[in-house]
Amino acid sequence: MERRRYPRFELKVDARYKVLDSKELSLISRTLNISADGICFESLKTLKPGTYVDLEISLGDKIEPVKLVGEIRWSSETKAFGKTEKKILNGVKLVNMQRSDEGRFLKYYCDKMIEKLSYYLDKM
């Protein structure tokens, strides 16, 4: 049964993440999809549910990446077809972002929703 409140849309863009309260530098990542209140991104190591991360995500609008804080809700190991290196997929619940970034993020999300709906309506 689907438990998500908002639809997810594919978003494969470069990102960076850093575990809050850790001394590690931010690590390069890539997102897979977004919703109005969540993101799925790749990492090379498992991040435990309940861990908080700083994320920076490029929306492709030639402006600085949006910066947000999220809580890891789940992690799942995956292996790309034909590749030996494993990747971890991480589901993140968004918990905080600056007002200006929130507006850009939600506008991007709404634009994706309209794009998807337009595609389906054109098929009818």
Protein backbone atom coordinates (compact mmCIF):
# COMPACT_ATOMS: atom_id res chain seq x y z
CA MET A 1 0.00 0.00 0.00
CA GLU A 2 1.34 3.46 -0.97
CA ARG A 3 1.96 5.63 2.10
CA ARG A 4 3.25 8.76 0.41
CA ARG A 5 1.22 11.93 0.70
CA TYR A 6 2.64 13.52 -2.47
CA PRO A 7 3.58 12.08 -5.86
CA ARG A 8 7.25 11.57 -6.62
CA PHE A 9 8.91 12.75 -9.81
CA GLU A 10 12.20 11.69 -11.29
CA LEU A 11 14.97 14.17 -10.65
CA LYS A 12 18.45 12.95 -11.47
CA VAL A 13 20.75 15.82 -10.59
CA ASP A 14 24.01 16.32 -8.74
CA ALA A 15 23.77 16.82 -5.01
CA ARG A 16 25.94 16.97 -1.93
CA TYR A 17 25.16 15.69 1.54
CA LYS A 18 26.69 15.87 4.97
CA VAL A 19 25.59 14.06 8.10
CA LEU A 20 24.77 16.66 10.73
CA ASP A 21 27.03 16.66 13.78
CA SER A 22 29.76 14.74 11.96
CA LYS A 23 33.24 15.94 11.13
CA GLU A 24 33.11 14.49 7.61
CA LEU A 25 33.16 16.86 4.68
CA SER A 26 30.12 16.95 2.45
CA LEU A 27 30.04 14.10 -0.03
CA ILE A 28 29.04 14.11 -3.68
CA SER A 29 25.80 12.38 -4.48
CA ARG A 30 22.99 12.21 -7.00
CA THR A 31 19.25 12.43 -6.50
CA LEU A 32 16.81 9.97 -8.04
CA ASN A 33 13.45 11.56 -7.30
CA ILE A 34 11.63 14.21 -5.29
CA SER A 35 8.24 14.87 -3.76
CA ALA A 36 6.89 17.97 -2.03
CA ASP A 37 8.30 16.73 1.28
CA GLY A 38 10.97 14.19 0.40
CA ILE A 39 13.95 13.22 -1.71
CA CYS A 40 15.66 9.97 -2.64
CA PHE A 41 19.43 10.21 -3.11
CA GLU A 42 22.38 7.85 -3.52
CA SER A 43 25.29 7.39 -1.13
CA LEU A 44 28.18 4.97 -0.88
CA LYS A 45 27.52 4.11 2.75
CA THR A 46 24.43 3.23 4.73
CA LEU A 47 22.80 6.07 6.60
CA LYS A 48 20.69 4.94 9.54
CA PRO A 49 17.03 5.98 9.81
CA GLY A 50 16.73 8.95 12.14
CA THR A 51 20.03 10.47 10.95
CA TYR A 52 19.80 14.13 9.94
CA VAL A 53 21.62 15.36 6.84
CA ASP A 54 22.33 18.68 5.16
CA LEU A 55 21.57 18.43 1.45
CA GLU A 56 22.44 20.73 -1.43
CA ILE A 57 20.56 20.04 -4.65
CA SER A 58 20.99 21.69 -8.01
CA LEU A 59 17.64 22.33 -9.70
CA GLY A 60 19.24 23.12 -13.04
CA ASP A 61 18.14 26.76 -12.93
CA LYS A 62 21.70 28.18 -12.94
CA ILE A 63 21.20 29.53 -9.44
CA GLU A 64 22.97 28.21 -6.36
CA PRO A 65 21.76 24.80 -5.15
CA VAL A 66 18.85 24.69 -2.72
CA LYS A 67 19.98 23.86 0.80
CA LEU A 68 17.83 21.81 3.10
CA VAL A 69 17.86 19.58 6.14
CA GLY A 70 16.28 16.17 6.05
CA GLU A 71 15.83 13.08 8.18
CA ILE A 72 16.78 9.70 6.76
CA ARG A 73 13.66 7.52 6.84
CA TRP A 74 15.02 4.46 5.05
CA SER A 75 18.15 3.14 3.31
CA SER A 76 18.36 0.31 0.82
CA GLU A 77 21.37 -1.23 -0.91
CA THR A 78 21.22 -1.53 -4.69
CA LYS A 79 23.61 -2.50 -7.44
CA ALA A 80 23.48 -0.94 -10.91
CA PHE A 81 22.95 -3.47 -13.69
CA GLY A 82 26.30 -4.78 -14.91
CA LYS A 83 28.28 -2.92 -12.26
CA THR A 84 30.05 -4.27 -9.21
CA GLU A 85 29.95 -1.20 -7.00
CA LYS A 86 27.05 -0.98 -4.61
CA LYS A 87 25.08 2.14 -3.92
CA ILE A 88 22.75 2.96 -1.11
CA LEU A 89 19.42 4.63 -1.84
CA ASN A 90 18.26 6.92 0.96
CA GLY A 91 14.74 8.21 1.49
CA VAL A 92 14.71 11.60 3.19
CA LYS A 93 11.85 13.48 4.83
CA LEU A 94 12.46 17.22 4.44
CA VAL A 95 12.37 19.01 7.77
CA ASN A 96 13.84 22.46 7.17
CA MET A 97 15.00 24.85 4.46
CA GLN A 98 15.43 28.56 4.02
CA ARG A 99 12.29 30.38 2.86
CA SER A 100 13.90 31.43 -0.46
CA ASP A 101 15.03 27.86 -1.18
CA GLU A 102 11.62 26.50 -0.16
CA GLY A 103 9.93 28.71 -2.77
CA ARG A 104 12.33 27.59 -5.51
CA PHE A 105 12.03 23.93 -4.52
CA LEU A 106 8.22 23.95 -4.41
CA LYS A 107 8.01 25.87 -7.70
CA TYR A 108 10.25 23.27 -9.31
CA TYR A 109 8.11 20.48 -7.87
CA CYS A 110 4.86 22.10 -9.06
CA ASP A 111 6.33 22.65 -12.53
CA LYS A 112 7.20 18.93 -12.67
CA MET A 113 3.67 18.04 -11.59
CA ILE A 114 2.14 20.26 -14.30
CA GLU A 115 4.53 18.80 -16.88
CA LYS A 116 3.48 15.27 -15.93
CA LEU A 117 -0.24 16.09 -15.89
CA SER A 118 0.04 17.83 -19.27
CA TYR A 119 1.67 14.72 -20.70
CA TYR A 120 -1.21 12.53 -19.49
CA LEU A 121 -3.87 14.99 -20.65
CA ASP A 122 -2.29 15.14 -24.13
CA LYS A 123 -2.56 11.35 -24.32
CA MET A 124 -6.34 11.44 -23.72
